[in-house]
Amino acid sequence: MKTSAAKLAASRAARPPADPGRSSDLPGPKLLEIYRTMVRLRKFEERCYQVYLQRKIGGFCHIYSGQEAVAVGMISLLGPQDYVITAYRDHGQALARGLSVKACMAELYGKATGCSRGKGGSMHFFDTSVRFMGGHGIVGAHVPLACGIGWAIKHQDQKGVCLCFFGDGAMNQGAVHEALNLASLYKLPVVFVCENNGYAMGTAVARGAAEENIYLRANSYKMPTCRVDGNNLFEVMDVTGGLIRRAREEFQPSFVEAVTYRFRGHSMSDPGSYRTREEVDAHKARDPIAQVAQHILKQKHAASGDLDEIDAEESASVEESVKFAEESPPPSPDALYEDIYA
């Protein structure tokens, strides 16, 4: 089985031309803002892991650690008019889109102050104020919803785009392919992002897909398709920037396979015994946050002490969110009868 790195090396030609202006040349303040967001995601997820083990939160919980460059890199390119929709591993996209750390942690605790008022839990973060259209628990079921969002953008002349995130396992769901076909037929401004972290739960891509190159499976829908190194923030931004622009200006859908890796198991109930320690360590050596930190230091945008300060500030913010969640009230019994259709 080829490693992710070998696959990437063999597929450089699969990338469309990047937008003019390299993201690696971002001004220092903007790059530090992006770095801070990546650190926030990691700190939040690692604290979630701890409080889950302490049984302070329950239910399903899927940790995003290791994939930060995808969510932060892509969402940092959006404006307030744009939309994000994702699957159940949704903490990273929610925080990258601007949901507060306190509201997200409170949602995990099932409290009324949560972003979904304590009714959604880990898989169903939601905040229409920033056009974050939710995490969704059924594999691939939200991808057609992205087409609906794209249709609304186009026919209300909003000049926006919808970023739709899903995992490699979702590519085996029929609804995903129906959505890709419709997006191309109707020329919808949707960028479909497959976060290929190598495993659909515990099943390696090579064991679950006859064609391992996931982006090739989207080629038949007559839209631009490509693969990017999902651990490389700058590559993610350079390629996605052009696709977002084309979606806004030409109503051109596209498909991105972002090859990345999750440091934790599929969910909190997954010990990850199907992966070797050597494999996990090899991917951790390409930690996307560490790569950005090295670039910042090399370009002298900040000193190591400045990065340590960001680390400490985000740790403190997450600790405050835990305190906030634990002190917040649960939903009232009357909330059972709110936000329902009948």
C-alpha atoms as a PDB file:
ATOM      1  CA  MET A   1       0.000   0.000   0.000  1.00  0.00           C
ATOM      2  CA  LYS A   2       1.373   3.402  -0.940  1.00  0.00           C
ATOM      3  CA  THR A   3       1.904   5.933   1.814  1.00  0.00           C
ATOM      4  CA  SER A   4       0.143   9.304   1.674  1.00  0.00           C
ATOM      5  CA  ALA A   5       3.463  10.964   0.838  1.00  0.00           C
ATOM      6  CA  ALA A   6       4.068   8.589  -2.089  1.00  0.00           C
ATOM      7  CA  LYS A   7       0.578   9.228  -3.419  1.00  0.00           C
ATOM      8  CA  LEU A   8       1.132  12.963  -3.241  1.00  0.00           C
ATOM      9  CA  ALA A   9       4.452  12.760  -5.063  1.00  0.00           C
ATOM     10  CA  ALA A  10       2.813  10.780  -7.865  1.00  0.00           C
ATOM     11  CA  SER A  11      -0.049  13.238  -8.323  1.00  0.00           C
ATOM     12  CA  ARG A  12       1.463  16.721  -8.510  1.00  0.00           C
ATOM     13  CA  ALA A  13      -0.020  17.202 -11.986  1.00  0.00           C
ATOM     14  CA  ALA A  14      -3.471  16.720 -10.480  1.00  0.00           C
ATOM     15  CA  ARG A  15      -3.396  20.214  -8.997  1.00  0.00           C
ATOM     16  CA  PRO A  16      -4.911  23.105 -10.963  1.00  0.00           C
ATOM     17  CA  PRO A  17      -2.918  26.350 -11.226  1.00  0.00           C
ATOM     18  CA  ALA A  18      -2.781  28.235  -7.946  1.00  0.00           C
ATOM     19  CA  ASP A  19      -4.111  31.749  -7.575  1.00  0.00           C
ATOM     20  CA  PRO A  20      -1.618  34.571  -8.225  1.00  0.00           C
ATOM     21  CA  GLY A  21       0.148  35.518  -5.026  1.00  0.00           C
ATOM     22  CA  ARG A  22       1.506  32.779  -2.812  1.00  0.00           C
ATOM     23  CA  SER A  23      -0.046  32.275   0.608  1.00  0.00           C
ATOM     24  CA  SER A  24       3.442  31.658   2.013  1.00  0.00           C
ATOM     25  CA  ASP A  25       4.015  35.375   1.392  1.00  0.00           C
ATOM     26  CA  LEU A  26       1.113  36.392   3.629  1.00  0.00           C
ATOM     27  CA  PRO A  27       1.773  39.397   5.864  1.00  0.00           C
ATOM     28  CA  GLY A  28       3.033  38.442   9.300  1.00  0.00           C
ATOM     29  CA  PRO A  29      -0.090  39.529  11.241  1.00  0.00           C
ATOM     30  CA  LYS A  30      -2.401  37.534   8.968  1.00  0.00           C
ATOM     31  CA  LEU A  31      -0.221  34.434   9.165  1.00  0.00           C
ATOM     32  CA  LEU A  32      -0.037  34.717  12.955  1.00  0.00           C
ATOM     33  CA  GLU A  33      -3.827  34.956  13.076  1.00  0.00           C
ATOM     34  CA  ILE A  34      -4.096  31.750  11.052  1.00  0.00           C
ATOM     35  CA  TYR A  35      -1.501  30.065  13.242  1.00  0.00           C
ATOM     36  CA  ARG A  36      -3.415  31.091  16.370  1.00  0.00           C
ATOM     37  CA  THR A  37      -6.592  29.549  14.973  1.00  0.00           C
ATOM     38  CA  MET A  38      -4.787  26.290  14.246  1.00  0.00           C
ATOM     39  CA  VAL A  39      -3.435  26.212  17.799  1.00  0.00           C
ATOM     40  CA  ARG A  40      -6.931  26.948  19.139  1.00  0.00           C
ATOM     41  CA  LEU A  41      -8.299  23.930  17.307  1.00  0.00           C
ATOM     42  CA  ARG A  42      -5.584  21.646  18.666  1.00  0.00           C
ATOM     43  CA  LYS A  43      -5.936  22.893  22.249  1.00  0.00           C
ATOM     44  CA  PHE A  44      -9.706  22.554  22.103  1.00  0.00           C
ATOM     45  CA  GLU A  45      -9.588  19.014  20.752  1.00  0.00           C
ATOM     46  CA  GLU A  46      -6.997  17.771  23.188  1.00  0.00           C
ATOM     47  CA  ARG A  47      -9.019  19.198  26.092  1.00  0.00           C
ATOM     48  CA  CYS A  48     -12.150  17.539  24.669  1.00  0.00           C
ATOM     49  CA  TYR A  49     -10.263  14.260  24.696  1.00  0.00           C
ATOM     50  CA  GLN A  50      -9.424  14.736  28.373  1.00  0.00           C
ATOM     51  CA  VAL A  51     -12.892  15.746  29.584  1.00  0.00           C
ATOM     52  CA  TYR A  52     -14.426  12.875  27.628  1.00  0.00           C
ATOM     53  CA  LEU A  53     -12.159  10.414  29.441  1.00  0.00           C
ATOM     54  CA  GLN A  54     -13.275  12.065  32.695  1.00  0.00           C
ATOM     55  CA  ARG A  55     -16.877  11.333  31.627  1.00  0.00           C
ATOM     56  CA  LYS A  56     -17.839  14.977  31.807  1.00  0.00           C
ATOM     57  CA  ILE A  57     -19.146  14.745  28.258  1.00  0.00           C
ATOM     58  CA  GLY A  58     -20.572  11.724  26.484  1.00  0.00           C
ATOM     59  CA  GLY A  59     -22.049  10.501  23.255  1.00  0.00           C
ATOM     60  CA  PHE A  60     -20.130  10.392  20.009  1.00  0.00           C
ATOM     61  CA  CYS A  61     -17.016  12.549  19.765  1.00  0.00           C
ATOM     62  CA  HIS A  62     -14.623  12.716  16.811  1.00  0.00           C
ATOM     63  CA  ILE A  63     -11.304  14.507  17.340  1.00  0.00           C
ATOM     64  CA  TYR A  64      -9.864  16.669  14.544  1.00  0.00           C
ATOM     65  CA  SER A  65      -6.229  16.876  15.736  1.00  0.00           C
ATOM     66  CA  GLY A  66      -3.792  16.605  12.811  1.00  0.00           C
ATOM     67  CA  GLN A  67      -6.122  17.970  10.133  1.00  0.00           C
ATOM     68  CA  GLU A  68      -6.032  21.656  11.118  1.00  0.00           C
ATOM     69  CA  ALA A  69      -4.410  22.951   7.923  1.00  0.00           C
ATOM     70  CA  VAL A  70      -7.424  21.880   5.873  1.00  0.00           C
ATOM     71  CA  ALA A  71     -10.194  23.573   7.835  1.00  0.00           C
ATOM     72  CA  VAL A  72      -8.243  26.680   8.819  1.00  0.00           C
ATOM     73  CA  GLY A  73      -6.513  27.126   5.473  1.00  0.00           C
ATOM     74  CA  MET A  74      -9.693  26.897   3.435  1.00  0.00           C
ATOM     75  CA  ILE A  75     -12.076  28.724   5.754  1.00  0.00           C
ATOM     76  CA  SER A  76      -9.615  31.599   6.197  1.00  0.00           C
ATOM     77  CA  LEU A  77     -10.264  32.382   2.511  1.00  0.00           C
ATOM     78  CA  LEU A  78     -14.000  32.895   3.010  1.00  0.00           C
ATOM     79  CA  GLY A  79     -15.965  36.073   3.562  1.00  0.00           C
ATOM     80  CA  PRO A  80     -19.084  36.665   5.683  1.00  0.00           C
ATOM     81  CA  GLN A  81     -21.333  35.929   2.671  1.00  0.00           C
ATOM     82  CA  ASP A  82     -19.984  32.369   2.304  1.00  0.00           C
ATOM     83  CA  TYR A  83     -21.229  29.110   3.824  1.00  0.00           C
ATOM     84  CA  VAL A  84     -19.636  26.061   5.448  1.00  0.00           C
ATOM     85  CA  ILE A  85     -21.248  22.656   5.903  1.00  0.00           C
ATOM     86  CA  THR A  86     -19.517  19.545   7.199  1.00  0.00           C
ATOM     87  CA  ALA A  87     -19.850  16.041   8.595  1.00  0.00           C
ATOM     88  CA  TYR A  88     -19.704  14.871  12.210  1.00  0.00           C
ATOM     89  CA  ARG A  89     -15.978  15.632  12.745  1.00  0.00           C
ATOM     90  CA  ASP A  90     -17.036  19.258  12.911  1.00  0.00           C
ATOM     91  CA  HIS A  91     -15.227  20.971  15.808  1.00  0.00           C
ATOM     92  CA  GLY A  92     -12.369  22.161  13.603  1.00  0.00           C
ATOM     93  CA  GLN A  93     -14.549  23.723  10.926  1.00  0.00           C
ATOM     94  CA  ALA A  94     -16.798  25.346  13.531  1.00  0.00           C
ATOM     95  CA  LEU A  95     -13.937  27.031  15.368  1.00  0.00           C
ATOM     96  CA  ALA A  96     -12.238  28.012  12.119  1.00  0.00           C
ATOM     97  CA  ARG A  97     -15.479  29.664  10.999  1.00  0.00           C
ATOM     98  CA  GLY A  98     -15.585  31.771  14.136  1.00  0.00           C
ATOM     99  CA  LEU A  99     -17.807  29.972  16.632  1.00  0.00           C
ATOM    100  CA  SER A 100     -16.737  30.813  20.161  1.00  0.00           C
ATOM    101  CA  VAL A 101     -14.720  28.318  22.156  1.00  0.00           C
ATOM    102  CA  LYS A 102     -17.138  28.710  25.077  1.00  0.00           C
ATOM    103  CA  ALA A 103     -20.235  28.002  22.969  1.00  0.00           C
ATOM    104  CA  CYS A 104     -18.613  24.923  21.436  1.00  0.00           C
ATOM    105  CA  MET A 105     -17.449  23.492  24.746  1.00  0.00           C
ATOM    106  CA  ALA A 106     -20.834  24.168  26.327  1.00  0.00           C
ATOM    107  CA  GLU A 107     -22.473  22.265  23.477  1.00  0.00           C
ATOM    108  CA  LEU A 108     -20.305  19.245  24.233  1.00  0.00           C
ATOM    109  CA  TYR A 109     -21.488  19.457  27.832  1.00  0.00           C
ATOM    110  CA  GLY A 110     -25.127  19.613  26.669  1.00  0.00           C
ATOM    111  CA  LYS A 111     -25.681  23.039  28.190  1.00  0.00           C
ATOM    112  CA  ALA A 112     -28.190  25.722  27.180  1.00  0.00           C
ATOM    113  CA  THR A 113     -25.334  28.119  26.397  1.00  0.00           C
ATOM    114  CA  GLY A 114     -24.034  25.790  23.678  1.00  0.00           C
ATOM    115  CA  CYS A 115     -24.004  26.734  20.015  1.00  0.00           C
ATOM    116  CA  SER A 116     -26.977  24.401  19.443  1.00  0.00           C
ATOM    117  CA  ARG A 117     -28.445  25.167  22.884  1.00  0.00           C
ATOM    118  CA  GLY A 118     -27.257  21.865  24.236  1.00  0.00           C
ATOM    119  CA  LYS A 119     -29.380  19.763  21.897  1.00  0.00           C
ATOM    120  CA  GLY A 120     -26.837  18.849  19.236  1.00  0.00           C
ATOM    121  CA  GLY A 121     -23.717  17.670  20.981  1.00  0.00           C
ATOM    122  CA  SER A 122     -20.397  16.998  19.300  1.00  0.00           C
ATOM    123  CA  MET A 123     -21.717  16.056  15.862  1.00  0.00           C
ATOM    124  CA  HIS A 124     -24.204  18.895  15.460  1.00  0.00           C
ATOM    125  CA  PHE A 125     -22.515  22.229  16.021  1.00  0.00           C
ATOM    126  CA  PHE A 126     -24.513  24.936  14.229  1.00  0.00           C
ATOM    127  CA  ASP A 127     -24.462  28.725  13.957  1.00  0.00           C
ATOM    128  CA  THR A 128     -26.318  30.503  11.172  1.00  0.00           C
ATOM    129  CA  SER A 129     -24.934  33.884  12.298  1.00  0.00           C
ATOM    130  CA  VAL A 130     -21.632  32.944  10.662  1.00  0.00           C
ATOM    131  CA  ARG A 131     -23.296  30.744   8.024  1.00  0.00           C
ATOM    132  CA  PHE A 132     -21.942  27.566   9.576  1.00  0.00           C
ATOM    133  CA  MET A 133     -24.655  25.178   8.465  1.00  0.00           C
ATOM    134  CA  GLY A 134     -23.813  22.407  10.790  1.00  0.00           C
ATOM    135  CA  GLY A 135     -22.110  19.180  11.438  1.00  0.00           C
ATOM    136  CA  HIS A 136     -24.184  16.213  10.219  1.00  0.00           C
ATOM    137  CA  GLY A 137     -24.142  12.704  11.616  1.00  0.00           C
ATOM    138  CA  ILE A 138     -25.230  10.568   8.651  1.00  0.00           C
ATOM    139  CA  VAL A 139     -22.269   9.791   6.400  1.00  0.00           C
ATOM    140  CA  GLY A 140     -22.532  11.796   3.174  1.00  0.00           C
ATOM    141  CA  ALA A 141     -26.100  12.971   3.823  1.00  0.00           C
ATOM    142  CA  HIS A 142     -25.147  16.637   4.096  1.00  0.00           C
ATOM    143  CA  VAL A 143     -23.426  16.756   0.690  1.00  0.00           C
ATOM    144  CA  PRO A 144     -26.732  17.163  -1.216  1.00  0.00           C
ATOM    145  CA  LEU A 145     -27.590  19.941   1.248  1.00  0.00           C
ATOM    146  CA  ALA A 146     -24.521  21.790  -0.013  1.00  0.00           C
ATOM    147  CA  CYS A 147     -26.133  21.753  -3.453  1.00  0.00           C
ATOM    148  CA  GLY A 148     -29.227  23.340  -1.948  1.00  0.00           C
ATOM    149  CA  ILE A 149     -27.062  26.058  -0.422  1.00  0.00           C
ATOM    150  CA  GLY A 150     -25.292  26.542  -3.740  1.00  0.00           C
ATOM    151  CA  TRP A 151     -28.655  26.844  -5.508  1.00  0.00           C
ATOM    152  CA  ALA A 152     -29.754  29.511  -3.018  1.00  0.00           C
ATOM    153  CA  ILE A 153     -26.497  31.441  -3.460  1.00  0.00           C
ATOM    154  CA  LYS A 154     -26.844  31.393  -7.235  1.00  0.00           C
ATOM    155  CA  HIS A 155     -30.517  32.283  -7.513  1.00  0.00           C
ATOM    156  CA  GLN A 156     -30.429  34.950  -4.819  1.00  0.00           C
ATOM    157  CA  ASP A 157     -27.352  36.443  -6.475  1.00  0.00           C
ATOM    158  CA  GLN A 158     -25.383  36.341  -3.226  1.00  0.00           C
ATOM    159  CA  LYS A 159     -21.944  36.151  -4.881  1.00  0.00           C
ATOM    160  CA  GLY A 160     -20.844  33.560  -2.372  1.00  0.00           C
ATOM    161  CA  VAL A 161     -19.592  30.009  -2.189  1.00  0.00           C
ATOM    162  CA  CYS A 162     -20.303  26.930  -0.074  1.00  0.00           C
ATOM    163  CA  LEU A 163     -17.426  24.847   1.249  1.00  0.00           C
ATOM    164  CA  CYS A 164     -18.608  21.276   1.839  1.00  0.00           C
ATOM    165  CA  PHE A 165     -16.326  19.006   3.897  1.00  0.00           C
ATOM    166  CA  PHE A 166     -16.630  15.216   4.169  1.00  0.00           C
ATOM    167  CA  GLY A 167     -14.395  12.206   4.743  1.00  0.00           C
ATOM    168  CA  ASP A 168     -12.965   9.608   2.382  1.00  0.00           C
ATOM    169  CA  GLY A 169     -15.524   7.036   3.518  1.00  0.00           C
ATOM    170  CA  ALA A 170     -18.367   9.251   2.280  1.00  0.00           C
ATOM    171  CA  MET A 171     -17.149   8.782  -1.286  1.00  0.00           C
ATOM    172  CA  ASN A 172     -18.755   5.329  -1.206  1.00  0.00           C
ATOM    173  CA  GLN A 173     -22.200   6.819  -0.547  1.00  0.00           C
ATOM    174  CA  GLY A 174     -24.511   7.267  -3.519  1.00  0.00           C
ATOM    175  CA  ALA A 175     -25.884  10.609  -2.307  1.00  0.00           C
ATOM    176  CA  VAL A 176     -22.417  12.137  -2.641  1.00  0.00           C
ATOM    177  CA  HIS A 177     -22.192  11.212  -6.317  1.00  0.00           C
ATOM    178  CA  GLU A 178     -25.727  12.412  -6.968  1.00  0.00           C
ATOM    179  CA  ALA A 179     -24.753  15.753  -5.418  1.00  0.00           C
ATOM    180  CA  LEU A 180     -21.582  16.050  -7.507  1.00  0.00           C
ATOM    181  CA  ASN A 181     -23.584  15.364 -10.647  1.00  0.00           C
ATOM    182  CA  LEU A 182     -26.248  17.948  -9.785  1.00  0.00           C
ATOM    183  CA  ALA A 183     -23.665  20.582  -8.851  1.00  0.00           C
ATOM    184  CA  SER A 184     -22.066  20.257 -12.256  1.00  0.00           C
ATOM    185  CA  LEU A 185     -25.366  20.130 -14.173  1.00  0.00           C
ATOM    186  CA  TYR A 186     -26.738  23.234 -12.457  1.00  0.00           C
ATOM    187  CA  LYS A 187     -23.368  25.025 -12.188  1.00  0.00           C
ATOM    188  CA  LEU A 188     -23.531  25.552  -8.434  1.00  0.00           C
ATOM    189  CA  PRO A 189     -20.884  27.514  -6.482  1.00  0.00           C
ATOM    190  CA  VAL A 190     -19.802  24.651  -4.231  1.00  0.00           C
ATOM    191  CA  VAL A 191     -16.269  23.499  -3.454  1.00  0.00           C
ATOM    192  CA  PHE A 192     -16.444  19.861  -2.354  1.00  0.00           C
ATOM    193  CA  VAL A 193     -13.611  18.959   0.037  1.00  0.00           C
ATOM    194  CA  CYS A 194     -12.836  15.309   0.740  1.00  0.00           C
ATOM    195  CA  GLU A 195     -10.594  15.141   3.813  1.00  0.00           C
ATOM    196  CA  ASN A 196      -8.789  11.895   3.104  1.00  0.00           C
ATOM    197  CA  ASN A 197      -7.219  10.940   6.415  1.00  0.00           C
ATOM    198  CA  GLY A 198      -6.475   7.433   5.182  1.00  0.00           C
ATOM    199  CA  TYR A 199      -9.192   5.531   7.008  1.00  0.00           C
ATOM    200  CA  ALA A 200     -12.974   5.265   6.905  1.00  0.00           C
ATOM    201  CA  MET A 201     -13.342   4.420  10.586  1.00  0.00           C
ATOM    202  CA  GLY A 202     -10.818   1.551  10.710  1.00  0.00           C
ATOM    203  CA  THR A 203     -10.819   0.632   7.022  1.00  0.00           C
ATOM    204  CA  ALA A 204      -7.881   1.858   4.941  1.00  0.00           C
ATOM    205  CA  VAL A 205      -8.783   3.583   1.688  1.00  0.00           C
ATOM    206  CA  ALA A 206      -7.116   0.844  -0.367  1.00  0.00           C
ATOM    207  CA  ARG A 207      -9.376  -1.762   1.220  1.00  0.00           C
ATOM    208  CA  GLY A 208     -12.591   0.187   0.675  1.00  0.00           C
ATOM    209  CA  ALA A 209     -12.151   1.801  -2.735  1.00  0.00           C
ATOM    210  CA  ALA A 210     -11.188   0.184  -6.032  1.00  0.00           C
ATOM    211  CA  GLU A 211      -9.727   3.565  -7.095  1.00  0.00           C
ATOM    212  CA  GLU A 212      -7.492   4.880  -4.312  1.00  0.00           C
ATOM    213  CA  ASN A 213      -7.054   8.256  -5.985  1.00  0.00           C
ATOM    214  CA  ILE A 214     -10.266   9.765  -4.725  1.00  0.00           C
ATOM    215  CA  TYR A 215     -10.086  12.924  -6.808  1.00  0.00           C
ATOM    216  CA  LEU A 216     -10.157  10.796  -9.980  1.00  0.00           C
ATOM    217  CA  ARG A 217     -13.575   9.489  -9.017  1.00  0.00           C
ATOM    218  CA  ALA A 218     -14.974  13.014  -9.310  1.00  0.00           C
ATOM    219  CA  ASN A 219     -13.505  13.586 -12.793  1.00  0.00           C
ATOM    220  CA  SER A 220     -16.549  12.178 -14.561  1.00  0.00           C
ATOM    221  CA  TYR A 221     -18.704  15.038 -13.284  1.00  0.00           C
ATOM    222  CA  LYS A 222     -16.940  17.594 -15.508  1.00  0.00           C
ATOM    223  CA  MET A 223     -15.626  19.811 -12.755  1.00  0.00           C
ATOM    224  CA  PRO A 224     -12.044  20.724 -11.795  1.00  0.00           C
ATOM    225  CA  THR A 225     -10.638  18.059  -9.483  1.00  0.00           C
ATOM    226  CA  CYS A 226      -7.333  17.908  -7.668  1.00  0.00           C
ATOM    227  CA  ARG A 227      -5.378  16.524  -4.757  1.00  0.00           C
ATOM    228  CA  VAL A 228      -3.458  18.649  -2.280  1.00  0.00           C
ATOM    229  CA  ASP A 229      -1.182  17.955   0.652  1.00  0.00           C
ATOM    230  CA  GLY A 230      -3.639  18.566   3.464  1.00  0.00           C
ATOM    231  CA  ASN A 231      -0.827  19.010   5.984  1.00  0.00           C
ATOM    232  CA  ASN A 232       0.656  21.910   4.009  1.00  0.00           C
ATOM    233  CA  LEU A 233      -1.276  25.061   4.877  1.00  0.00           C
ATOM    234  CA  PHE A 234       0.177  27.068   2.007  1.00  0.00           C
ATOM    235  CA  GLU A 235      -0.567  24.474  -0.664  1.00  0.00           C
ATOM    236  CA  VAL A 236      -4.107  24.141   0.660  1.00  0.00           C
ATOM    237  CA  MET A 237      -4.647  27.905   0.478  1.00  0.00           C
ATOM    238  CA  ASP A 238      -2.974  28.443  -2.888  1.00  0.00           C
ATOM    239  CA  VAL A 239      -5.055  25.813  -4.657  1.00  0.00           C
ATOM    240  CA  THR A 240      -8.351  26.409  -2.860  1.00  0.00           C
ATOM    241  CA  GLY A 241      -8.165  30.167  -3.368  1.00  0.00           C
ATOM    242  CA  GLY A 242      -8.440  29.764  -7.124  1.00  0.00           C
ATOM    243  CA  LEU A 243     -11.336  27.314  -6.852  1.00  0.00           C
ATOM    244  CA  ILE A 244     -13.256  29.615  -4.504  1.00  0.00           C
ATOM    245  CA  ARG A 245     -12.767  32.543  -6.887  1.00  0.00           C
ATOM    246  CA  ARG A 246     -14.052  30.510  -9.834  1.00  0.00           C
ATOM    247  CA  ALA A 247     -17.066  29.367  -7.822  1.00  0.00           C
ATOM    248  CA  ARG A 248     -17.977  32.969  -7.033  1.00  0.00           C
ATOM    249  CA  GLU A 249     -17.330  34.426 -10.471  1.00  0.00           C
ATOM    250  CA  GLU A 250     -18.301  31.560 -12.793  1.00  0.00           C
ATOM    251  CA  PHE A 251     -20.566  29.331 -10.643  1.00  0.00           C
ATOM    252  CA  GLN A 252     -18.011  26.583 -11.191  1.00  0.00           C
ATOM    253  CA  PRO A 253     -18.129  23.667  -8.713  1.00  0.00           C
ATOM    254  CA  SER A 254     -14.919  21.803  -7.953  1.00  0.00           C
ATOM    255  CA  PHE A 255     -13.573  18.875  -5.966  1.00  0.00           C
ATOM    256  CA  VAL A 256     -10.503  18.807  -3.706  1.00  0.00           C
ATOM    257  CA  GLU A 257      -8.992  15.701  -2.145  1.00  0.00           C
ATOM    258  CA  ALA A 258      -6.975  16.926   0.824  1.00  0.00           C
ATOM    259  CA  VAL A 259      -4.645  14.134   1.945  1.00  0.00           C
ATOM    260  CA  THR A 260      -4.183  14.435   5.694  1.00  0.00           C
ATOM    261  CA  TYR A 261      -4.075  12.278   8.829  1.00  0.00           C
ATOM    262  CA  ARG A 262      -5.904  12.193  12.135  1.00  0.00           C
ATOM    263  CA  PHE A 263      -3.690  11.743  15.165  1.00  0.00           C
ATOM    264  CA  ARG A 264      -6.441  10.126  17.251  1.00  0.00           C
ATOM    265  CA  GLY A 265      -8.752   7.216  16.467  1.00  0.00           C
ATOM    266  CA  HIS A 266     -11.879   7.613  14.385  1.00  0.00           C
ATOM    267  CA  SER A 267     -13.863   8.437  17.524  1.00  0.00           C
ATOM    268  CA  MET A 268     -13.353   8.272  21.268  1.00  0.00           C
ATOM    269  CA  SER A 269     -14.363   4.600  21.225  1.00  0.00           C
ATOM    270  CA  ASP A 270     -11.648   3.731  18.695  1.00  0.00           C
ATOM    271  CA  PRO A 271      -8.244   2.701  20.109  1.00  0.00           C
ATOM    272  CA  GLY A 272      -6.732   2.828  16.608  1.00  0.00           C
ATOM    273  CA  SER A 273      -5.182  -0.625  16.874  1.00  0.00           C
ATOM    274  CA  TYR A 274      -5.288  -1.008  13.070  1.00  0.00           C
ATOM    275  CA  ARG A 275      -2.443   1.553  12.787  1.00  0.00           C
ATOM    276  CA  THR A 276       1.134   0.982  13.855  1.00  0.00           C
ATOM    277  CA  ARG A 277       2.951   3.347  16.198  1.00  0.00           C
ATOM    278  CA  GLU A 278       5.536   3.895  13.465  1.00  0.00           C
ATOM    279  CA  GLU A 279       2.850   5.033  11.033  1.00  0.00           C
ATOM    280  CA  VAL A 280       1.320   7.502  13.488  1.00  0.00           C
ATOM    281  CA  ASP A 281       4.731   8.881  14.478  1.00  0.00           C
ATOM    282  CA  ALA A 282       5.710   9.356  10.836  1.00  0.00           C
ATOM    283  CA  HIS A 283       2.631  11.492  10.256  1.00  0.00           C
ATOM    284  CA  LYS A 284       3.087  13.416  13.481  1.00  0.00           C
ATOM    285  CA  ALA A 285       6.534  14.376  12.197  1.00  0.00           C
ATOM    286  CA  ARG A 286       4.643  16.341   9.512  1.00  0.00           C
ATOM    287  CA  ASP A 287       2.399  18.101  12.038  1.00  0.00           C
ATOM    288  CA  PRO A 288       0.732  20.965  10.120  1.00  0.00           C
ATOM    289  CA  ILE A 289       0.969  23.342  13.073  1.00  0.00           C
ATOM    290  CA  ALA A 290       4.684  22.703  13.523  1.00  0.00           C
ATOM    291  CA  GLN A 291       5.235  23.353   9.808  1.00  0.00           C
ATOM    292  CA  VAL A 292       3.560  26.762  10.031  1.00  0.00           C
ATOM    293  CA  ALA A 293       5.506  27.598  13.192  1.00  0.00           C
ATOM    294  CA  GLN A 294       8.774  26.812  11.445  1.00  0.00           C
ATOM    295  CA  HIS A 295       7.824  29.048   8.514  1.00  0.00           C
ATOM    296  CA  ILE A 296       6.916  31.925  10.854  1.00  0.00           C
ATOM    297  CA  LEU A 297      10.250  31.671  12.642  1.00  0.00           C
ATOM    298  CA  LYS A 298      12.209  31.336   9.402  1.00  0.00           C
ATOM    299  CA  GLN A 299      10.542  34.441   7.929  1.00  0.00           C
ATOM    300  CA  LYS A 300      11.062  36.284  11.233  1.00  0.00           C
ATOM    301  CA  HIS A 301       7.366  37.125  11.558  1.00  0.00           C
ATOM    302  CA  ALA A 302       7.689  36.305  15.260  1.00  0.00           C
ATOM    303  CA  ALA A 303      10.102  34.872  17.790  1.00  0.00           C
ATOM    304  CA  SER A 304       9.709  31.532  19.547  1.00  0.00           C
ATOM    305  CA  GLY A 305       8.627  33.384  22.675  1.00  0.00           C
ATOM    306  CA  ASP A 306       5.764  34.972  20.752  1.00  0.00           C
ATOM    307  CA  LEU A 307       4.555  31.550  19.638  1.00  0.00           C
ATOM    308  CA  ASP A 308       4.819  30.281  23.204  1.00  0.00           C
ATOM    309  CA  GLU A 309       2.632  33.190  24.276  1.00  0.00           C
ATOM    310  CA  ILE A 310      -0.011  32.290  21.676  1.00  0.00           C
ATOM    311  CA  ASP A 311       0.106  28.715  22.917  1.00  0.00           C
ATOM    312  CA  ALA A 312      -0.413  29.820  26.515  1.00  0.00           C
ATOM    313  CA  GLU A 313      -3.226  32.231  25.640  1.00  0.00           C
ATOM    314  CA  GLU A 314      -5.150  29.609  23.696  1.00  0.00           C
ATOM    315  CA  SER A 315      -4.679  27.063  26.476  1.00  0.00           C
ATOM    316  CA  ALA A 316      -6.087  29.571  28.947  1.00  0.00           C
ATOM    317  CA  SER A 317      -9.021  30.309  26.642  1.00  0.00           C
ATOM    318  CA  VAL A 318      -9.898  26.628  26.425  1.00  0.00           C
ATOM    319  CA  GLU A 319      -9.661  26.272  30.200  1.00  0.00           C
ATOM    320  CA  GLU A 320     -12.061  29.198  30.558  1.00  0.00           C
ATOM    321  CA  SER A 321     -14.447  27.443  28.184  1.00  0.00           C
ATOM    322  CA  VAL A 322     -14.431  24.310  30.363  1.00  0.00           C
ATOM    323  CA  LYS A 323     -15.250  26.404  33.432  1.00  0.00           C
ATOM    324  CA  PHE A 324     -17.978  28.212  31.497  1.00  0.00           C
ATOM    325  CA  ALA A 325     -19.493  24.921  30.322  1.00  0.00           C
ATOM    326  CA  GLU A 326     -19.444  23.338  33.748  1.00  0.00           C
ATOM    327  CA  GLU A 327     -21.132  26.381  35.321  1.00  0.00           C
ATOM    328  CA  SER A 328     -23.735  26.831  32.588  1.00  0.00           C
ATOM    329  CA  PRO A 329     -27.318  25.592  33.109  1.00  0.00           C
ATOM    330  CA  PRO A 330     -28.786  22.648  31.206  1.00  0.00           C
ATOM    331  CA  PRO A 331     -31.641  23.272  28.778  1.00  0.00           C
ATOM    332  CA  SER A 332     -35.008  23.749  30.467  1.00  0.00           C
ATOM    333  CA  PRO A 333     -37.607  20.963  30.141  1.00  0.00           C
ATOM    334  CA  ASP A 334     -39.665  23.297  27.918  1.00  0.00           C
ATOM    335  CA  ALA A 335     -36.825  23.276  25.371  1.00  0.00           C
ATOM    336  CA  LEU A 336     -37.967  19.768  24.403  1.00  0.00           C
ATOM    337  CA  TYR A 337     -40.856  21.367  22.529  1.00  0.00           C
ATOM    338  CA  GLU A 338     -38.836  24.051  20.751  1.00  0.00           C
ATOM    339  CA  ASP A 339     -37.245  23.885  17.285  1.00  0.00           C
ATOM    340  CA  ILE A 340     -39.386  20.973  16.115  1.00  0.00           C
ATOM    341  CA  TYR A 341     -41.572  20.661  13.035  1.00  0.00           C
ATOM    342  CA  ALA A 342     -44.650  19.174  14.679  1.00  0.00           C
END
